Amino acid sequence: MKERGQLVLVAAVLVAVALAPVVLAYLQLGYHDDVRAASAVDDPTGDTVRVLDRAVTRESESVPGTYPWAERSAAVTAFREDLEPVRSRLQTAEIERGTVTEIEYNATAASTWQSTNCPSGSGREFGPCRTDRGVVVQDRVGRTHVLAVGVDVTTTTDQGETEVTVVLKGVGG
């Protein structure tokens, strides 16, 4: 019986020694069971950008089959009109909770993206790119393709204000 008790005691010591590093790591690093949920409460800007990104991708799919390159301004107008319901919903979705979101097109960010991502010269695969009201479009075989959209997202909560400028890629980008 004495040997059995010693065996149990040795096993308990081994388990305690094995768990010590886990306990130390837990105490040193801290722990939160759902980090994403905590950050979403603190700053909803990331969620806004993700929703906008999906909407830009979805809405840019319909442009190439509809608008020839000569009608690229109409394509940009239609694209922005199609994106407007999502933009409006995001701006008002969290007002009851004290969060105000402002989403504006950023032509400068779009132009910067165009200058670094649209090749020019004779060796390019597609036609020229243009930035129109914050939307980068390209001539691809005579059709208008939406490549990217520059936006400024400003989120104001009771904890402060967050401002980000992002370029969201369309299907062609």
N, C-alpha and C. Protein backbone atom coordinates (compact mmCIF):
# COMPACT_ATOMS: atom_id res chain seq x y z
N MET A 1 0.81 -1.18 0.00
CA MET A 1 0.00 0.00 0.00
C MET A 1 0.87 1.26 0.00
N LYS A 2 2.01 1.17 0.74
CA LYS A 2 2.92 2.30 0.81
C LYS A 2 3.50 2.63 -0.55
N GLU A 3 3.83 1.60 -1.35
CA GLU A 3 4.38 1.82 -2.69
C GLU A 3 3.36 2.50 -3.61
N ARG A 4 2.09 2.13 -3.45
CA ARG A 4 1.03 2.71 -4.27
C ARG A 4 0.86 4.20 -3.94
N GLY A 5 0.92 4.56 -2.69
CA GLY A 5 0.82 5.95 -2.27
C GLY A 5 1.99 6.78 -2.80
N GLN A 6 3.19 6.18 -2.79
CA GLN A 6 4.35 6.89 -3.31
C GLN A 6 4.22 7.10 -4.81
N LEU A 7 3.67 6.11 -5.52
CA LEU A 7 3.47 6.21 -6.96
C LEU A 7 2.49 7.34 -7.28
N VAL A 8 1.42 7.44 -6.51
CA VAL A 8 0.44 8.50 -6.71
C VAL A 8 1.08 9.87 -6.44
N LEU A 9 1.88 9.94 -5.40
CA LEU A 9 2.56 11.18 -5.07
C LEU A 9 3.54 11.60 -6.17
N VAL A 10 4.29 10.66 -6.71
CA VAL A 10 5.23 10.95 -7.80
C VAL A 10 4.46 11.41 -9.05
N ALA A 11 3.35 10.78 -9.34
CA ALA A 11 2.53 11.17 -10.50
C ALA A 11 2.00 12.58 -10.32
N ALA A 12 1.55 12.94 -9.14
CA ALA A 12 1.04 14.28 -8.86
C ALA A 12 2.14 15.33 -9.02
N VAL A 13 3.35 15.01 -8.57
CA VAL A 13 4.47 15.94 -8.72
C VAL A 13 4.80 16.13 -10.20
N LEU A 14 4.79 15.08 -10.98
CA LEU A 14 5.06 15.19 -12.41
C LEU A 14 4.02 16.05 -13.12
N VAL A 15 2.76 15.87 -12.79
CA VAL A 15 1.69 16.68 -13.39
C VAL A 15 1.88 18.15 -13.02
N ALA A 16 2.20 18.42 -11.76
CA ALA A 16 2.40 19.80 -11.31
C ALA A 16 3.58 20.44 -12.04
N VAL A 17 4.66 19.70 -12.20
CA VAL A 17 5.83 20.22 -12.91
C VAL A 17 5.50 20.47 -14.38
N ALA A 18 4.72 19.60 -14.99
CA ALA A 18 4.35 19.76 -16.40
C ALA A 18 3.43 20.97 -16.60
N LEU A 19 2.59 21.26 -15.64
CA LEU A 19 1.65 22.37 -15.78
C LEU A 19 2.27 23.72 -15.41
N ALA A 20 3.37 23.73 -14.74
CA ALA A 20 4.00 24.98 -14.30
C ALA A 20 4.27 25.94 -15.45
N PRO A 21 4.86 25.50 -16.58
CA PRO A 21 5.11 26.45 -17.68
C PRO A 21 3.82 27.04 -18.25
N VAL A 22 2.77 26.24 -18.30
CA VAL A 22 1.49 26.73 -18.82
C VAL A 22 0.94 27.82 -17.91
N VAL A 23 1.00 27.58 -16.61
CA VAL A 23 0.51 28.57 -15.66
C VAL A 23 1.34 29.84 -15.74
N LEU A 24 2.64 29.72 -15.84
CA LEU A 24 3.50 30.90 -15.96
C LEU A 24 3.21 31.69 -17.23
N ALA A 25 3.04 30.99 -18.33
CA ALA A 25 2.72 31.67 -19.59
C ALA A 25 1.39 32.38 -19.48
N TYR A 26 0.42 31.76 -18.88
CA TYR A 26 -0.90 32.36 -18.69
C TYR A 26 -0.79 33.65 -17.88
N LEU A 27 -0.02 33.60 -16.80
CA LEU A 27 0.12 34.77 -15.94
C LEU A 27 0.93 35.88 -16.60
N GLN A 28 1.95 35.54 -17.37
CA GLN A 28 2.81 36.54 -17.99
C GLN A 28 2.16 37.20 -19.20
N LEU A 29 1.52 36.43 -20.03
CA LEU A 29 0.98 36.95 -21.28
C LEU A 29 -0.42 37.50 -21.14
N GLY A 30 -1.10 37.13 -20.11
CA GLY A 30 -2.49 37.53 -19.98
C GLY A 30 -3.35 36.64 -20.86
N TYR A 31 -4.63 36.77 -20.69
CA TYR A 31 -5.52 35.90 -21.43
C TYR A 31 -6.84 36.59 -21.64
N HIS A 32 -7.35 36.47 -22.84
CA HIS A 32 -8.70 36.91 -23.14
C HIS A 32 -9.29 35.86 -24.06
N ASP A 33 -10.45 35.35 -23.69
CA ASP A 33 -10.97 34.22 -24.42
C ASP A 33 -11.43 34.55 -25.84
N ASP A 34 -11.73 35.80 -26.15
CA ASP A 34 -12.15 36.17 -27.50
C ASP A 34 -11.59 37.54 -27.83
N VAL A 35 -10.35 37.57 -28.30
CA VAL A 35 -9.67 38.82 -28.56
C VAL A 35 -10.37 39.60 -29.66
N ARG A 36 -10.84 38.94 -30.69
CA ARG A 36 -11.50 39.65 -31.79
C ARG A 36 -12.77 40.35 -31.31
N ALA A 37 -13.53 39.70 -30.44
CA ALA A 37 -14.75 40.33 -29.93
C ALA A 37 -14.42 41.57 -29.12
N ALA A 38 -13.36 41.53 -28.34
CA ALA A 38 -12.98 42.69 -27.55
C ALA A 38 -12.54 43.83 -28.44
N SER A 39 -11.76 43.55 -29.48
CA SER A 39 -11.30 44.61 -30.36
C SER A 39 -12.43 45.18 -31.19
N ALA A 40 -13.41 44.36 -31.56
CA ALA A 40 -14.55 44.85 -32.33
C ALA A 40 -15.38 45.83 -31.51
N VAL A 41 -15.46 45.59 -30.20
CA VAL A 41 -16.19 46.50 -29.34
C VAL A 41 -15.41 47.81 -29.23
N ASP A 42 -14.08 47.73 -29.13
CA ASP A 42 -13.25 48.91 -28.97
C ASP A 42 -13.16 49.74 -30.24
N ASP A 43 -13.09 49.10 -31.42
CA ASP A 43 -12.93 49.83 -32.66
C ASP A 43 -13.60 49.08 -33.81
N PRO A 44 -14.77 49.52 -34.20
CA PRO A 44 -15.49 48.83 -35.28
C PRO A 44 -14.99 49.17 -36.68
N THR A 45 -13.92 49.94 -36.80
CA THR A 45 -13.41 50.36 -38.11
C THR A 45 -13.03 49.16 -38.97
N GLY A 46 -12.40 48.15 -38.38
CA GLY A 46 -11.99 46.96 -39.13
C GLY A 46 -13.18 46.25 -39.75
N ASP A 47 -14.27 46.14 -39.00
CA ASP A 47 -15.47 45.50 -39.54
C ASP A 47 -16.04 46.31 -40.70
N THR A 48 -16.02 47.64 -40.57
CA THR A 48 -16.52 48.51 -41.63
C THR A 48 -15.71 48.31 -42.91
N VAL A 49 -14.40 48.26 -42.77
CA VAL A 49 -13.52 48.08 -43.93
C VAL A 49 -13.76 46.71 -44.57
N ARG A 50 -13.95 45.67 -43.77
CA ARG A 50 -14.21 44.33 -44.32
C ARG A 50 -15.52 44.29 -45.11
N VAL A 51 -16.56 44.92 -44.58
CA VAL A 51 -17.84 44.95 -45.29
C VAL A 51 -17.71 45.74 -46.58
N LEU A 52 -17.02 46.87 -46.53
CA LEU A 52 -16.80 47.66 -47.74
C LEU A 52 -16.00 46.88 -48.78
N ASP A 53 -15.00 46.16 -48.33
CA ASP A 53 -14.17 45.37 -49.24
C ASP A 53 -15.01 44.34 -49.99
N ARG A 54 -15.86 43.63 -49.27
CA ARG A 54 -16.73 42.64 -49.93
C ARG A 54 -17.69 43.32 -50.90
N ALA A 55 -18.22 44.48 -50.52
CA ALA A 55 -19.16 45.20 -51.39
C ALA A 55 -18.46 45.70 -52.66
N VAL A 56 -17.23 46.20 -52.53
CA VAL A 56 -16.48 46.66 -53.70
C VAL A 56 -16.23 45.49 -54.65
N THR A 57 -15.83 44.35 -54.11
CA THR A 57 -15.60 43.17 -54.95
C THR A 57 -16.88 42.77 -55.67
N ARG A 58 -17.97 42.69 -54.93
CA ARG A 58 -19.24 42.27 -55.51
C ARG A 58 -19.73 43.24 -56.59
N GLU A 59 -19.70 44.54 -56.29
CA GLU A 59 -20.23 45.52 -57.23
C GLU A 59 -19.33 45.70 -58.45
N SER A 60 -18.04 45.45 -58.31
CA SER A 60 -17.14 45.61 -59.46
C SER A 60 -17.30 44.50 -60.48
N GLU A 61 -17.90 43.39 -60.09
CA GLU A 61 -18.09 42.27 -61.02
C GLU A 61 -19.02 42.60 -62.17
N SER A 62 -20.00 43.47 -61.94
CA SER A 62 -21.00 43.75 -62.98
C SER A 62 -20.57 44.82 -63.98
N VAL A 63 -19.52 45.58 -63.68
CA VAL A 63 -19.14 46.70 -64.55
C VAL A 63 -18.59 46.26 -65.90
N PRO A 64 -17.66 45.27 -65.99
CA PRO A 64 -17.03 44.98 -67.28
C PRO A 64 -18.00 44.60 -68.41
N GLY A 65 -19.02 43.87 -68.11
CA GLY A 65 -19.95 43.46 -69.16
C GLY A 65 -20.92 44.52 -69.58
N THR A 66 -20.97 45.62 -68.86
CA THR A 66 -21.99 46.63 -69.09
C THR A 66 -21.48 47.89 -69.78
N TYR A 67 -20.26 48.31 -69.49
CA TYR A 67 -19.79 49.62 -69.94
C TYR A 67 -18.55 49.53 -70.82
N PRO A 68 -18.65 50.04 -72.05
CA PRO A 68 -17.44 50.15 -72.87
C PRO A 68 -16.54 51.24 -72.30
N TRP A 69 -15.28 51.22 -72.70
CA TRP A 69 -14.30 52.17 -72.17
C TRP A 69 -14.71 53.62 -72.41
N ALA A 70 -15.33 53.90 -73.52
CA ALA A 70 -15.76 55.27 -73.82
C ALA A 70 -16.79 55.78 -72.81
N GLU A 71 -17.47 54.87 -72.13
CA GLU A 71 -18.49 55.24 -71.14
C GLU A 71 -18.00 55.01 -69.70
N ARG A 72 -16.70 55.14 -69.49
CA ARG A 72 -16.13 54.85 -68.17
C ARG A 72 -16.67 55.78 -67.08
N SER A 73 -16.97 57.01 -67.41
CA SER A 73 -17.53 57.93 -66.41
C SER A 73 -18.90 57.43 -65.95
N ALA A 74 -19.71 56.95 -66.89
CA ALA A 74 -21.01 56.38 -66.53
C ALA A 74 -20.83 55.11 -65.69
N ALA A 75 -19.78 54.34 -66.00
CA ALA A 75 -19.49 53.12 -65.23
C ALA A 75 -19.15 53.47 -63.79
N VAL A 76 -18.35 54.51 -63.59
CA VAL A 76 -17.99 54.94 -62.24
C VAL A 76 -19.21 55.45 -61.50
N THR A 77 -20.05 56.22 -62.19
CA THR A 77 -21.28 56.71 -61.56
C THR A 77 -22.17 55.55 -61.12
N ALA A 78 -22.36 54.58 -62.00
CA ALA A 78 -23.20 53.42 -61.67
C ALA A 78 -22.60 52.60 -60.53
N PHE A 79 -21.28 52.43 -60.56
CA PHE A 79 -20.60 51.68 -59.50
C PHE A 79 -20.80 52.36 -58.16
N ARG A 80 -20.60 53.67 -58.11
CA ARG A 80 -20.78 54.41 -56.86
C ARG A 80 -22.23 54.36 -56.39
N GLU A 81 -23.17 54.43 -57.32
CA GLU A 81 -24.59 54.32 -56.95
C GLU A 81 -24.91 52.94 -56.38
N ASP A 82 -24.32 51.88 -56.97
CA ASP A 82 -24.54 50.53 -56.47
C ASP A 82 -23.91 50.34 -55.09
N LEU A 83 -22.83 51.04 -54.81
CA LEU A 83 -22.14 50.94 -53.52
C LEU A 83 -22.81 51.79 -52.44
N GLU A 84 -23.60 52.75 -52.84
CA GLU A 84 -24.19 53.70 -51.90
C GLU A 84 -25.06 53.07 -50.81
N PRO A 85 -25.91 52.09 -51.09
CA PRO A 85 -26.70 51.51 -50.00
C PRO A 85 -25.84 50.89 -48.88
N VAL A 86 -24.76 50.24 -49.25
CA VAL A 86 -23.86 49.65 -48.25
C VAL A 86 -23.18 50.77 -47.47
N ARG A 87 -22.70 51.76 -48.17
CA ARG A 87 -22.03 52.90 -47.53
C ARG A 87 -22.97 53.60 -46.55
N SER A 88 -24.20 53.86 -46.97
CA SER A 88 -25.19 54.53 -46.11
C SER A 88 -25.52 53.68 -44.89
N ARG A 89 -25.70 52.38 -45.09
CA ARG A 89 -26.03 51.48 -43.98
C ARG A 89 -24.89 51.46 -42.96
N LEU A 90 -23.65 51.40 -43.43
CA LEU A 90 -22.51 51.38 -42.52
C LEU A 90 -22.39 52.68 -41.73
N GLN A 91 -22.77 53.79 -42.34
CA GLN A 91 -22.66 55.08 -41.67
C GLN A 91 -23.69 55.25 -40.55
N THR A 92 -24.80 54.53 -40.65
CA THR A 92 -25.87 54.71 -39.66
C THR A 92 -26.10 53.49 -38.77
N ALA A 93 -25.42 52.40 -39.04
CA ALA A 93 -25.71 51.13 -38.36
C ALA A 93 -25.52 51.17 -36.85
N GLU A 94 -24.53 51.89 -36.38
CA GLU A 94 -24.19 51.85 -34.95
C GLU A 94 -24.48 53.15 -34.22
N ILE A 95 -25.27 54.02 -34.79
CA ILE A 95 -25.53 55.31 -34.16
C ILE A 95 -26.20 55.14 -32.80
N GLU A 96 -27.12 54.17 -32.67
CA GLU A 96 -27.81 53.94 -31.40
C GLU A 96 -26.83 53.57 -30.29
N ARG A 97 -25.72 52.96 -30.65
CA ARG A 97 -24.71 52.55 -29.67
C ARG A 97 -23.64 53.63 -29.44
N GLY A 98 -23.84 54.78 -30.08
CA GLY A 98 -22.90 55.87 -29.89
C GLY A 98 -21.71 55.85 -30.82
N THR A 99 -21.80 55.09 -31.91
CA THR A 99 -20.71 55.02 -32.88
C THR A 99 -21.14 55.69 -34.18
N VAL A 100 -20.35 56.65 -34.61
CA VAL A 100 -20.64 57.36 -35.86
C VAL A 100 -19.52 57.02 -36.84
N THR A 101 -19.91 56.57 -38.03
CA THR A 101 -18.94 56.20 -39.06
C THR A 101 -19.14 57.10 -40.27
N GLU A 102 -18.06 57.64 -40.75
CA GLU A 102 -18.07 58.49 -41.94
C GLU A 102 -17.22 57.81 -43.00
N ILE A 103 -17.75 57.67 -44.21
CA ILE A 103 -17.03 57.02 -45.30
C ILE A 103 -17.04 57.97 -46.50
N GLU A 104 -15.85 58.39 -46.91
CA GLU A 104 -15.71 59.31 -48.04
C GLU A 104 -14.75 58.71 -49.06
N TYR A 105 -14.99 58.97 -50.33
CA TYR A 105 -14.07 58.53 -51.37
C TYR A 105 -12.79 59.36 -51.28
N ASN A 106 -11.65 58.74 -51.58
CA ASN A 106 -10.36 59.42 -51.52
C ASN A 106 -9.67 59.28 -52.88
N ALA A 107 -9.78 60.33 -53.69
CA ALA A 107 -9.20 60.31 -55.04
C ALA A 107 -7.68 60.28 -55.00
N THR A 108 -7.09 60.89 -53.98
CA THR A 108 -5.62 60.92 -53.88
C THR A 108 -5.08 59.51 -53.64
N ALA A 109 -5.69 58.79 -52.71
CA ALA A 109 -5.26 57.41 -52.44
C ALA A 109 -5.46 56.53 -53.67
N ALA A 110 -6.58 56.73 -54.36
CA ALA A 110 -6.83 55.95 -55.59
C ALA A 110 -5.80 56.27 -56.66
N SER A 111 -5.46 57.55 -56.83
CA SER A 111 -4.46 57.94 -57.83
C SER A 111 -3.09 57.37 -57.49
N THR A 112 -2.74 57.39 -56.21
CA THR A 112 -1.46 56.82 -55.78
C THR A 112 -1.42 55.33 -56.08
N TRP A 113 -2.53 54.64 -55.78
CA TRP A 113 -2.61 53.20 -56.08
C TRP A 113 -2.45 52.98 -57.59
N GLN A 114 -3.13 53.81 -58.39
CA GLN A 114 -3.06 53.69 -59.84
C GLN A 114 -1.63 53.85 -60.33
N SER A 115 -0.92 54.84 -59.82
CA SER A 115 0.43 55.10 -60.31
C SER A 115 1.41 53.97 -59.98
N THR A 116 1.16 53.22 -58.91
CA THR A 116 2.06 52.12 -58.56
C THR A 116 1.58 50.75 -59.05
N ASN A 117 0.32 50.64 -59.44
CA ASN A 117 -0.22 49.32 -59.81
C ASN A 117 -0.68 49.19 -61.25
N CYS A 118 -0.74 50.28 -61.97
CA CYS A 118 -1.14 50.22 -63.38
C CYS A 118 0.08 50.52 -64.25
N PRO A 119 0.59 49.54 -64.93
CA PRO A 119 1.77 49.79 -65.77
C PRO A 119 1.41 50.70 -66.95
N SER A 120 2.40 51.46 -67.36
CA SER A 120 2.20 52.31 -68.53
C SER A 120 3.25 51.95 -69.57
N GLY A 121 3.12 52.51 -70.72
CA GLY A 121 4.09 52.23 -71.78
C GLY A 121 3.58 51.17 -72.74
N SER A 122 4.42 50.80 -73.67
CA SER A 122 3.99 49.90 -74.75
C SER A 122 3.94 48.43 -74.34
N GLY A 123 4.60 48.02 -73.27
CA GLY A 123 4.65 46.61 -72.91
C GLY A 123 3.54 46.15 -71.99
N ARG A 124 2.58 46.99 -71.71
CA ARG A 124 1.53 46.60 -70.77
C ARG A 124 0.54 45.63 -71.41
N GLU A 125 -0.10 44.86 -70.56
CA GLU A 125 -1.04 43.83 -71.01
C GLU A 125 -2.40 44.40 -71.37
N PHE A 126 -2.84 45.43 -70.64
CA PHE A 126 -4.16 46.03 -70.87
C PHE A 126 -4.00 47.50 -71.21
N GLY A 127 -5.13 48.17 -71.41
CA GLY A 127 -5.13 49.58 -71.76
C GLY A 127 -4.84 50.47 -70.57
N PRO A 128 -5.03 51.78 -70.76
CA PRO A 128 -4.68 52.73 -69.70
C PRO A 128 -5.64 52.66 -68.51
N CYS A 129 -5.16 53.16 -67.39
CA CYS A 129 -5.97 53.30 -66.18
C CYS A 129 -6.32 54.77 -65.99
N ARG A 130 -7.45 55.01 -65.36
CA ARG A 130 -7.86 56.36 -65.01
C ARG A 130 -8.47 56.32 -63.61
N THR A 131 -8.28 57.41 -62.88
CA THR A 131 -8.94 57.56 -61.58
C THR A 131 -10.04 58.59 -61.75
N ASP A 132 -11.23 58.21 -61.36
CA ASP A 132 -12.40 59.07 -61.51
C ASP A 132 -13.17 59.06 -60.19
N ARG A 133 -13.18 60.17 -59.47
CA ARG A 133 -13.92 60.32 -58.22
C ARG A 133 -13.59 59.22 -57.21
N GLY A 134 -12.32 58.88 -57.10
CA GLY A 134 -11.88 57.90 -56.11
C GLY A 134 -11.94 56.46 -56.58
N VAL A 135 -12.30 56.23 -57.84
CA VAL A 135 -12.42 54.88 -58.40
C VAL A 135 -11.40 54.73 -59.52
N VAL A 136 -10.59 53.67 -59.45
CA VAL A 136 -9.61 53.40 -60.50
C VAL A 136 -10.23 52.41 -61.49
N VAL A 137 -10.26 52.81 -62.76
CA VAL A 137 -10.80 51.95 -63.82
C VAL A 137 -9.73 51.73 -64.87
N GLN A 138 -9.89 50.64 -65.63
CA GLN A 138 -8.92 50.32 -66.67
C GLN A 138 -9.65 49.82 -67.91
N ASP A 139 -9.07 50.16 -69.05
CA ASP A 139 -9.56 49.68 -70.34
C ASP A 139 -8.99 48.28 -70.57
N ARG A 140 -9.88 47.31 -70.61
CA ARG A 140 -9.48 45.94 -70.90
C ARG A 140 -10.33 45.44 -72.07
N VAL A 141 -9.69 45.37 -73.22
CA VAL A 141 -10.33 44.93 -74.46
C VAL A 141 -11.59 45.77 -74.73
N GLY A 142 -11.46 47.09 -74.55
CA GLY A 142 -12.55 48.00 -74.86
C GLY A 142 -13.63 48.08 -73.80
N ARG A 143 -13.48 47.36 -72.70
CA ARG A 143 -14.47 47.36 -71.63
C ARG A 143 -13.89 48.03 -70.38
N THR A 144 -14.75 48.66 -69.59
CA THR A 144 -14.32 49.31 -68.36
C THR A 144 -14.31 48.31 -67.21
N HIS A 145 -13.18 48.22 -66.53
CA HIS A 145 -13.04 47.35 -65.36
C HIS A 145 -12.70 48.20 -64.15
N VAL A 146 -13.39 47.96 -63.03
CA VAL A 146 -13.08 48.65 -61.78
C VAL A 146 -11.95 47.88 -61.10
N LEU A 147 -10.82 48.56 -60.90
CA LEU A 147 -9.67 47.93 -60.26
C LEU A 147 -9.61 48.19 -58.76
N ALA A 148 -9.93 49.41 -58.35
CA ALA A 148 -9.77 49.75 -56.94
C ALA A 148 -10.58 51.00 -56.60
N VAL A 149 -10.79 51.18 -55.29
CA VAL A 149 -11.51 52.34 -54.78
C VAL A 149 -10.76 52.85 -53.55
N GLY A 150 -10.48 54.13 -53.52
CA GLY A 150 -9.85 54.74 -52.35
C GLY A 150 -10.92 55.33 -51.45
N VAL A 151 -10.85 55.01 -50.15
CA VAL A 151 -11.83 55.55 -49.20
C VAL A 151 -11.15 55.96 -47.90
N ASP A 152 -11.73 56.95 -47.26
CA ASP A 152 -11.37 57.34 -45.90
C ASP A 152 -12.51 56.87 -45.00
N VAL A 153 -12.17 56.16 -43.94
CA VAL A 153 -13.17 55.70 -42.96
C VAL A 153 -12.81 56.35 -41.62
N THR A 154 -13.75 57.12 -41.09
CA THR A 154 -13.56 57.75 -39.79
C THR A 154 -14.64 57.21 -38.86
N THR A 155 -14.20 56.62 -37.75
CA THR A 155 -15.12 56.06 -36.77
C THR A 155 -14.95 56.83 -35.47
N THR A 156 -16.07 57.35 -34.97
CA THR A 156 -16.05 58.10 -33.72
C THR A 156 -16.89 57.35 -32.69
N THR A 157 -16.27 57.03 -31.55
CA THR A 157 -16.96 56.38 -30.44
C THR A 157 -16.72 57.21 -29.19
N ASP A 158 -17.29 56.77 -28.08
CA ASP A 158 -17.05 57.48 -26.83
C ASP A 158 -15.61 57.32 -26.36
N GLN A 159 -14.87 56.39 -26.96
CA GLN A 159 -13.48 56.16 -26.59
C GLN A 159 -12.51 56.95 -27.47
N GLY A 160 -13.00 57.60 -28.51
CA GLY A 160 -12.13 58.39 -29.37
C GLY A 160 -12.49 58.24 -30.84
N GLU A 161 -11.57 58.67 -31.68
CA GLU A 161 -11.80 58.67 -33.12
C GLU A 161 -10.68 57.91 -33.82
N THR A 162 -11.07 57.11 -34.81
CA THR A 162 -10.12 56.37 -35.62
C THR A 162 -10.30 56.77 -37.08
N GLU A 163 -9.20 57.11 -37.72
CA GLU A 163 -9.25 57.48 -39.14
C GLU A 163 -8.31 56.56 -39.91
N VAL A 164 -8.82 55.94 -40.97
CA VAL A 164 -7.97 55.13 -41.84
C VAL A 164 -8.28 55.47 -43.29
N THR A 165 -7.25 55.37 -44.11
CA THR A 165 -7.41 55.50 -45.55
C THR A 165 -6.99 54.17 -46.14
N VAL A 166 -7.89 53.58 -46.92
CA VAL A 166 -7.60 52.27 -47.53
C VAL A 166 -7.96 52.31 -49.00
N VAL A 167 -7.29 51.43 -49.74
CA VAL A 167 -7.64 51.22 -51.15
C VAL A 167 -8.15 49.79 -51.23
N LEU A 168 -9.40 49.66 -51.62
CA LEU A 168 -10.05 48.36 -51.73
C LEU A 168 -10.04 47.92 -53.17
N LYS A 169 -9.62 46.70 -53.42
CA LYS A 169 -9.49 46.21 -54.79
C LYS A 169 -10.80 45.61 -55.27
N GLY A 170 -11.10 45.91 -56.54
CA GLY A 170 -12.23 45.29 -57.20
C GLY A 170 -11.80 43.97 -57.81
N VAL A 171 -12.66 43.35 -58.57
CA VAL A 171 -12.36 42.05 -59.19
C VAL A 171 -11.15 42.16 -60.12
N GLY A 172 -11.03 43.23 -60.85
CA GLY A 172 -9.93 43.39 -61.78
C GLY A 172 -8.62 43.79 -61.14
N GLY A 173 -8.66 44.25 -59.88
CA GLY A 173 -7.47 44.76 -59.22
C GLY A 173 -6.67 43.67 -58.60
